[in-house]
Amino acid sequence: MSDLPMLFTPVQAAKIMGVSRSHVYVLMNQGRLSSVNIGRCRRITVGQMNDFIASLTAAA
């Protein structure tokens, strides 16, 4: 198994994608970046980040 976590916090996802934490929340609230809820916590999978990036390249 990989050393990478399966789920990332919005702060971790922001760092990976090179954007601010608040921008990640905006993207999630707009429905452009999918996330999962675990209780009151929002987490983002690698697949969800990849899907978001793919949607950006498809739109360009």
C-alpha atoms as a PDB file:
ATOM      1  CA  MET A   1       0.000   0.000   0.000  1.00  0.00           C
ATOM      2  CA  SER A   2       1.157   3.525  -0.741  1.00  0.00           C
ATOM      3  CA  ASP A   3       2.453   5.851   1.948  1.00  0.00           C
ATOM      4  CA  LEU A   4      -0.016   8.520   0.779  1.00  0.00           C
ATOM      5  CA  PRO A   5      -3.231   8.893   2.738  1.00  0.00           C
ATOM      6  CA  MET A   6      -6.478   7.901   1.033  1.00  0.00           C
ATOM      7  CA  LEU A   7      -8.257  11.054   2.186  1.00  0.00           C
ATOM      8  CA  PHE A   8      -6.951  14.606   2.378  1.00  0.00           C
ATOM      9  CA  THR A   9      -8.131  17.561   4.413  1.00  0.00           C
ATOM     10  CA  PRO A  10      -8.975  20.732   2.489  1.00  0.00           C
ATOM     11  CA  VAL A  11      -5.697  22.224   3.772  1.00  0.00           C
ATOM     12  CA  GLN A  12      -3.699  19.270   2.442  1.00  0.00           C
ATOM     13  CA  ALA A  13      -5.579  19.322  -0.878  1.00  0.00           C
ATOM     14  CA  ALA A  14      -4.914  23.049  -1.215  1.00  0.00           C
ATOM     15  CA  LYS A  15      -1.205  22.499  -0.699  1.00  0.00           C
ATOM     16  CA  ILE A  16      -1.142  19.652  -3.243  1.00  0.00           C
ATOM     17  CA  MET A  17      -3.030  21.709  -5.850  1.00  0.00           C
ATOM     18  CA  GLY A  18      -1.174  24.936  -5.120  1.00  0.00           C
ATOM     19  CA  VAL A  19      -4.208  27.009  -4.172  1.00  0.00           C
ATOM     20  CA  SER A  20      -5.453  28.531  -0.935  1.00  0.00           C
ATOM     21  CA  ARG A  21      -7.529  26.659   1.640  1.00  0.00           C
ATOM     22  CA  SER A  22     -10.404  29.077   1.136  1.00  0.00           C
ATOM     23  CA  HIS A  23     -10.346  28.460  -2.622  1.00  0.00           C
ATOM     24  CA  VAL A  24     -10.709  24.709  -2.002  1.00  0.00           C
ATOM     25  CA  TYR A  25     -13.804  25.414   0.115  1.00  0.00           C
ATOM     26  CA  VAL A  26     -15.220  27.655  -2.642  1.00  0.00           C
ATOM     27  CA  LEU A  27     -14.664  24.894  -5.216  1.00  0.00           C
ATOM     28  CA  MET A  28     -16.343  22.323  -2.941  1.00  0.00           C
ATOM     29  CA  ASN A  29     -19.304  24.632  -2.239  1.00  0.00           C
ATOM     30  CA  GLN A  30     -19.721  25.283  -5.987  1.00  0.00           C
ATOM     31  CA  GLY A  31     -19.728  21.531  -6.617  1.00  0.00           C
ATOM     32  CA  ARG A  32     -16.680  21.765  -8.890  1.00  0.00           C
ATOM     33  CA  LEU A  33     -14.489  19.750  -6.482  1.00  0.00           C
ATOM     34  CA  SER A  34     -16.207  16.722  -4.996  1.00  0.00           C
ATOM     35  CA  SER A  35     -15.635  15.742  -1.399  1.00  0.00           C
ATOM     36  CA  VAL A  36     -16.896  13.249   1.148  1.00  0.00           C
ATOM     37  CA  ASN A  37     -18.268  13.964   4.590  1.00  0.00           C
ATOM     38  CA  ILE A  38     -17.144  11.964   7.575  1.00  0.00           C
ATOM     39  CA  GLY A  39     -19.211  13.283  10.408  1.00  0.00           C
ATOM     40  CA  ARG A  40     -18.632  17.024  10.319  1.00  0.00           C
ATOM     41  CA  CYS A  41     -15.317  16.727   8.450  1.00  0.00           C
ATOM     42  CA  ARG A  42     -14.899  17.142   4.713  1.00  0.00           C
ATOM     43  CA  ARG A  43     -12.244  15.064   2.988  1.00  0.00           C
ATOM     44  CA  ILE A  44     -11.051  14.867  -0.613  1.00  0.00           C
ATOM     45  CA  THR A  45      -9.782  11.729  -2.320  1.00  0.00           C
ATOM     46  CA  VAL A  46      -6.964  11.612  -4.850  1.00  0.00           C
ATOM     47  CA  GLY A  47      -9.521  10.561  -7.457  1.00  0.00           C
ATOM     48  CA  GLN A  48     -11.667  13.606  -6.756  1.00  0.00           C
ATOM     49  CA  MET A  49      -8.648  15.900  -7.163  1.00  0.00           C
ATOM     50  CA  ASN A  50      -7.717  14.116 -10.408  1.00  0.00           C
ATOM     51  CA  ASP A  51     -11.296  14.477 -11.712  1.00  0.00           C
ATOM     52  CA  PHE A  52     -11.250  18.196 -10.918  1.00  0.00           C
ATOM     53  CA  ILE A  53      -7.913  18.683 -12.699  1.00  0.00           C
ATOM     54  CA  ALA A  54      -9.162  16.675 -15.686  1.00  0.00           C
ATOM     55  CA  SER A  55     -12.240  18.928 -15.896  1.00  0.00           C
ATOM     56  CA  LEU A  56      -9.943  21.949 -16.046  1.00  0.00           C
ATOM     57  CA  THR A  57      -7.899  20.527 -18.906  1.00  0.00           C
ATOM     58  CA  ALA A  58     -11.049  19.444 -20.776  1.00  0.00           C
ATOM     59  CA  ALA A  59     -12.474  22.975 -20.511  1.00  0.00           C
ATOM     60  CA  ALA A  60      -9.293  24.589 -21.863  1.00  0.00           C
END
